[in-house]
Amino acid sequence: MLPVSVQTRLTTSDAPTMLSACLAGAGIAQVLEFATREQVRDGRLIELFPDWRDELFPLHAIYPSRQYRTAKVRVFVDFVTELLAQV
């Protein structure tokens, strides 16, 4: 497959910027489904390829030892675990 050259006015790797640009009608973006669920549900965004799924990626919290987790680490891991359970 030959590379395709596309002229762009906006190039970003920042997901909130991509989402804002798409909502403003500036183009298309590949962002995580949970970040766009509400906008797709209410019709502000559409899925271009609903039968195609990108690879899923695991999310890991890595810290030195479970035995000595600081309060900050424990609270953050609990927060993210609860947040992702809602997805």
N, C-alpha and C. Protein backbone atom coordinates (compact mmCIF):
# COMPACT_ATOMS: atom_id res chain seq x y z
N MET A 1 0.84 -1.17 0.00
CA MET A 1 0.00 0.00 0.00
C MET A 1 0.89 1.24 0.00
N LEU A 2 0.61 2.17 -0.87
CA LEU A 2 1.41 3.39 -0.96
C LEU A 2 1.01 4.38 0.13
N PRO A 3 1.97 5.12 0.66
CA PRO A 3 1.62 6.13 1.65
C PRO A 3 0.75 7.22 1.02
N VAL A 4 -0.16 7.74 1.79
CA VAL A 4 -1.06 8.79 1.32
C VAL A 4 -0.66 10.08 2.00
N SER A 5 -0.54 11.13 1.22
CA SER A 5 -0.21 12.43 1.77
C SER A 5 -1.51 13.22 1.93
N VAL A 6 -1.70 13.76 3.12
CA VAL A 6 -2.91 14.52 3.41
C VAL A 6 -2.50 15.87 3.96
N GLN A 7 -3.03 16.94 3.37
CA GLN A 7 -2.76 18.26 3.91
C GLN A 7 -3.68 18.49 5.10
N THR A 8 -3.11 19.03 6.16
CA THR A 8 -3.91 19.28 7.36
C THR A 8 -3.71 20.70 7.84
N ARG A 9 -4.69 21.17 8.56
CA ARG A 9 -4.56 22.47 9.22
C ARG A 9 -4.32 22.29 10.70
N LEU A 10 -4.68 21.14 11.24
CA LEU A 10 -4.52 20.85 12.66
C LEU A 10 -3.98 19.45 12.81
N THR A 11 -2.90 19.32 13.53
CA THR A 11 -2.35 18.02 13.87
C THR A 11 -2.09 18.03 15.37
N THR A 12 -2.66 17.05 16.06
CA THR A 12 -2.48 16.99 17.51
C THR A 12 -2.52 15.55 17.99
N SER A 13 -1.89 15.29 19.11
CA SER A 13 -1.99 13.98 19.74
C SER A 13 -2.74 14.09 21.06
N ASP A 14 -3.31 15.26 21.33
CA ASP A 14 -4.04 15.52 22.56
C ASP A 14 -5.52 15.17 22.36
N ALA A 15 -6.00 14.15 23.08
CA ALA A 15 -7.36 13.65 22.88
C ALA A 15 -8.44 14.72 23.10
N PRO A 16 -8.37 15.53 24.15
CA PRO A 16 -9.40 16.57 24.30
C PRO A 16 -9.42 17.56 23.12
N THR A 17 -8.25 17.88 22.58
CA THR A 17 -8.19 18.78 21.43
C THR A 17 -8.80 18.11 20.21
N MET A 18 -8.51 16.81 20.01
CA MET A 18 -9.11 16.08 18.90
C MET A 18 -10.62 16.07 19.02
N LEU A 19 -11.12 15.78 20.21
CA LEU A 19 -12.56 15.72 20.43
C LEU A 19 -13.21 17.08 20.18
N SER A 20 -12.61 18.13 20.69
CA SER A 20 -13.14 19.48 20.47
C SER A 20 -13.16 19.83 18.98
N ALA A 21 -12.09 19.47 18.28
CA ALA A 21 -12.02 19.76 16.84
C ALA A 21 -13.11 19.01 16.08
N CYS A 22 -13.33 17.75 16.44
CA CYS A 22 -14.37 16.97 15.77
C CYS A 22 -15.75 17.55 16.05
N LEU A 23 -16.00 17.92 17.29
CA LEU A 23 -17.29 18.52 17.63
C LEU A 23 -17.52 19.84 16.92
N ALA A 24 -16.42 20.53 16.58
CA ALA A 24 -16.52 21.80 15.85
C ALA A 24 -16.61 21.57 14.34
N GLY A 25 -16.55 20.30 13.91
CA GLY A 25 -16.67 19.99 12.49
C GLY A 25 -15.37 20.08 11.72
N ALA A 26 -14.24 20.02 12.42
CA ALA A 26 -12.94 20.21 11.78
C ALA A 26 -12.34 18.93 11.20
N GLY A 27 -12.97 17.78 11.40
CA GLY A 27 -12.38 16.58 10.83
C GLY A 27 -12.76 15.33 11.58
N ILE A 28 -11.90 14.31 11.46
CA ILE A 28 -12.12 13.03 12.10
C ILE A 28 -10.94 12.74 13.02
N ALA A 29 -11.17 11.83 13.98
CA ALA A 29 -10.10 11.45 14.91
C ALA A 29 -10.35 10.05 15.41
N GLN A 30 -9.28 9.42 15.85
CA GLN A 30 -9.37 8.12 16.50
C GLN A 30 -9.11 8.35 17.98
N VAL A 31 -10.17 8.23 18.76
CA VAL A 31 -10.07 8.40 20.21
C VAL A 31 -10.74 7.22 20.89
N LEU A 32 -10.48 7.06 22.17
CA LEU A 32 -11.05 5.95 22.91
C LEU A 32 -12.56 6.07 23.01
N GLU A 33 -13.23 4.93 22.90
CA GLU A 33 -14.69 4.90 22.88
C GLU A 33 -15.30 5.53 24.12
N PHE A 34 -14.74 5.26 25.29
CA PHE A 34 -15.35 5.80 26.50
C PHE A 34 -15.29 7.32 26.55
N ALA A 35 -14.38 7.93 25.81
CA ALA A 35 -14.27 9.39 25.79
C ALA A 35 -15.33 10.03 24.90
N THR A 36 -15.93 9.24 24.02
CA THR A 36 -16.91 9.79 23.07
C THR A 36 -18.30 9.18 23.20
N ARG A 37 -18.47 8.31 24.17
CA ARG A 37 -19.74 7.58 24.30
C ARG A 37 -20.95 8.52 24.32
N GLU A 38 -20.90 9.56 25.13
CA GLU A 38 -22.04 10.47 25.26
C GLU A 38 -22.31 11.22 23.95
N GLN A 39 -21.26 11.68 23.28
CA GLN A 39 -21.43 12.43 22.04
C GLN A 39 -21.97 11.55 20.92
N VAL A 40 -21.57 10.29 20.89
CA VAL A 40 -22.09 9.35 19.88
C VAL A 40 -23.55 9.04 20.21
N ARG A 41 -23.84 8.82 21.48
CA ARG A 41 -25.21 8.48 21.89
C ARG A 41 -26.19 9.60 21.54
N ASP A 42 -25.78 10.87 21.73
CA ASP A 42 -26.72 11.96 21.45
C ASP A 42 -26.61 12.50 20.03
N GLY A 43 -25.78 11.86 19.18
CA GLY A 43 -25.74 12.21 17.77
C GLY A 43 -24.80 13.33 17.38
N ARG A 44 -24.03 13.86 18.32
CA ARG A 44 -23.08 14.93 17.96
C ARG A 44 -21.87 14.37 17.21
N LEU A 45 -21.56 13.10 17.42
CA LEU A 45 -20.49 12.42 16.69
C LEU A 45 -21.06 11.10 16.14
N ILE A 46 -20.43 10.59 15.09
CA ILE A 46 -20.81 9.29 14.55
C ILE A 46 -19.56 8.42 14.47
N GLU A 47 -19.76 7.12 14.56
CA GLU A 47 -18.68 6.17 14.33
C GLU A 47 -18.56 5.95 12.84
N LEU A 48 -17.36 6.10 12.31
CA LEU A 48 -17.17 5.89 10.87
C LEU A 48 -17.07 4.42 10.50
N PHE A 49 -16.47 3.62 11.39
CA PHE A 49 -16.27 2.20 11.11
C PHE A 49 -16.73 1.38 12.31
N PRO A 50 -18.04 1.24 12.52
CA PRO A 50 -18.52 0.57 13.73
C PRO A 50 -18.14 -0.90 13.82
N ASP A 51 -17.87 -1.56 12.70
CA ASP A 51 -17.51 -2.97 12.74
C ASP A 51 -16.02 -3.19 12.94
N TRP A 52 -15.24 -2.14 12.90
CA TRP A 52 -13.79 -2.24 13.07
C TRP A 52 -13.42 -1.78 14.46
N ARG A 53 -12.73 -2.62 15.17
CA ARG A 53 -12.31 -2.28 16.52
C ARG A 53 -10.79 -2.20 16.55
N ASP A 54 -10.31 -1.13 17.13
CA ASP A 54 -8.88 -0.99 17.32
C ASP A 54 -8.45 -1.94 18.43
N GLU A 55 -7.17 -2.14 18.56
CA GLU A 55 -6.71 -3.02 19.62
C GLU A 55 -7.03 -2.40 20.98
N LEU A 56 -7.34 -3.25 21.92
CA LEU A 56 -7.55 -2.79 23.28
C LEU A 56 -6.20 -2.78 23.97
N PHE A 57 -6.02 -1.86 24.86
CA PHE A 57 -4.74 -1.82 25.56
C PHE A 57 -4.99 -1.93 27.05
N PRO A 58 -4.14 -2.68 27.73
CA PRO A 58 -4.30 -2.80 29.18
C PRO A 58 -3.80 -1.55 29.88
N LEU A 59 -4.34 -1.30 31.04
CA LEU A 59 -3.91 -0.18 31.85
C LEU A 59 -3.35 -0.77 33.14
N HIS A 60 -2.13 -0.41 33.47
CA HIS A 60 -1.47 -0.96 34.64
C HIS A 60 -1.07 0.16 35.60
N ALA A 61 -1.20 -0.10 36.87
CA ALA A 61 -0.66 0.79 37.89
C ALA A 61 0.55 0.06 38.46
N ILE A 62 1.71 0.65 38.29
CA ILE A 62 2.95 -0.01 38.73
C ILE A 62 3.56 0.82 39.86
N TYR A 63 3.78 0.17 40.97
CA TYR A 63 4.39 0.83 42.12
C TYR A 63 5.26 -0.19 42.82
N PRO A 64 6.19 0.27 43.69
CA PRO A 64 7.22 -0.62 44.24
C PRO A 64 6.70 -1.85 44.98
N SER A 65 5.70 -1.70 45.84
CA SER A 65 5.25 -2.84 46.63
C SER A 65 3.83 -2.62 47.13
N ARG A 66 3.01 -3.65 47.09
CA ARG A 66 1.64 -3.53 47.61
C ARG A 66 1.67 -3.30 49.12
N GLN A 67 2.64 -3.86 49.76
CA GLN A 67 2.72 -3.75 51.22
C GLN A 67 2.95 -2.31 51.68
N TYR A 68 3.64 -1.51 50.89
CA TYR A 68 4.01 -0.17 51.32
C TYR A 68 3.42 0.92 50.43
N ARG A 69 2.20 0.71 49.93
CA ARG A 69 1.57 1.74 49.11
C ARG A 69 1.30 2.98 49.95
N THR A 70 1.66 4.13 49.41
CA THR A 70 1.35 5.37 50.10
C THR A 70 -0.14 5.65 49.97
N ALA A 71 -0.64 6.53 50.80
CA ALA A 71 -2.05 6.89 50.75
C ALA A 71 -2.40 7.46 49.38
N LYS A 72 -1.49 8.28 48.82
CA LYS A 72 -1.75 8.89 47.51
C LYS A 72 -1.92 7.81 46.43
N VAL A 73 -1.04 6.83 46.45
CA VAL A 73 -1.11 5.76 45.45
C VAL A 73 -2.38 4.94 45.64
N ARG A 74 -2.68 4.59 46.87
CA ARG A 74 -3.87 3.79 47.17
C ARG A 74 -5.14 4.52 46.72
N VAL A 75 -5.25 5.80 47.05
CA VAL A 75 -6.44 6.58 46.68
C VAL A 75 -6.55 6.70 45.16
N PHE A 76 -5.42 6.94 44.48
CA PHE A 76 -5.45 7.07 43.03
C PHE A 76 -5.86 5.76 42.36
N VAL A 77 -5.27 4.65 42.79
CA VAL A 77 -5.61 3.35 42.19
C VAL A 77 -7.08 3.02 42.44
N ASP A 78 -7.57 3.28 43.65
CA ASP A 78 -8.98 3.05 43.94
C ASP A 78 -9.88 3.92 43.07
N PHE A 79 -9.50 5.19 42.89
CA PHE A 79 -10.27 6.12 42.06
C PHE A 79 -10.35 5.63 40.61
N VAL A 80 -9.21 5.27 40.04
CA VAL A 80 -9.18 4.83 38.64
C VAL A 80 -9.93 3.51 38.48
N THR A 81 -9.78 2.61 39.44
CA THR A 81 -10.50 1.33 39.39
C THR A 81 -12.00 1.56 39.38
N GLU A 82 -12.48 2.45 40.24
CA GLU A 82 -13.90 2.75 40.28
C GLU A 82 -14.37 3.44 39.01
N LEU A 83 -13.57 4.37 38.52
CA LEU A 83 -13.91 5.09 37.28
C LEU A 83 -14.03 4.13 36.11
N LEU A 84 -13.08 3.23 35.96
CA LEU A 84 -13.09 2.28 34.84
C LEU A 84 -14.16 1.21 34.99
N ALA A 85 -14.59 0.94 36.21
CA ALA A 85 -15.67 -0.03 36.40
C ALA A 85 -16.98 0.49 35.83
N GLN A 86 -17.11 1.81 35.72
CA GLN A 86 -18.32 2.43 35.19
C GLN A 86 -18.35 2.39 33.67
N VAL A 87 -17.23 2.09 33.05
CA VAL A 87 -17.12 2.12 31.59
C VAL A 87 -17.65 0.90 31.01
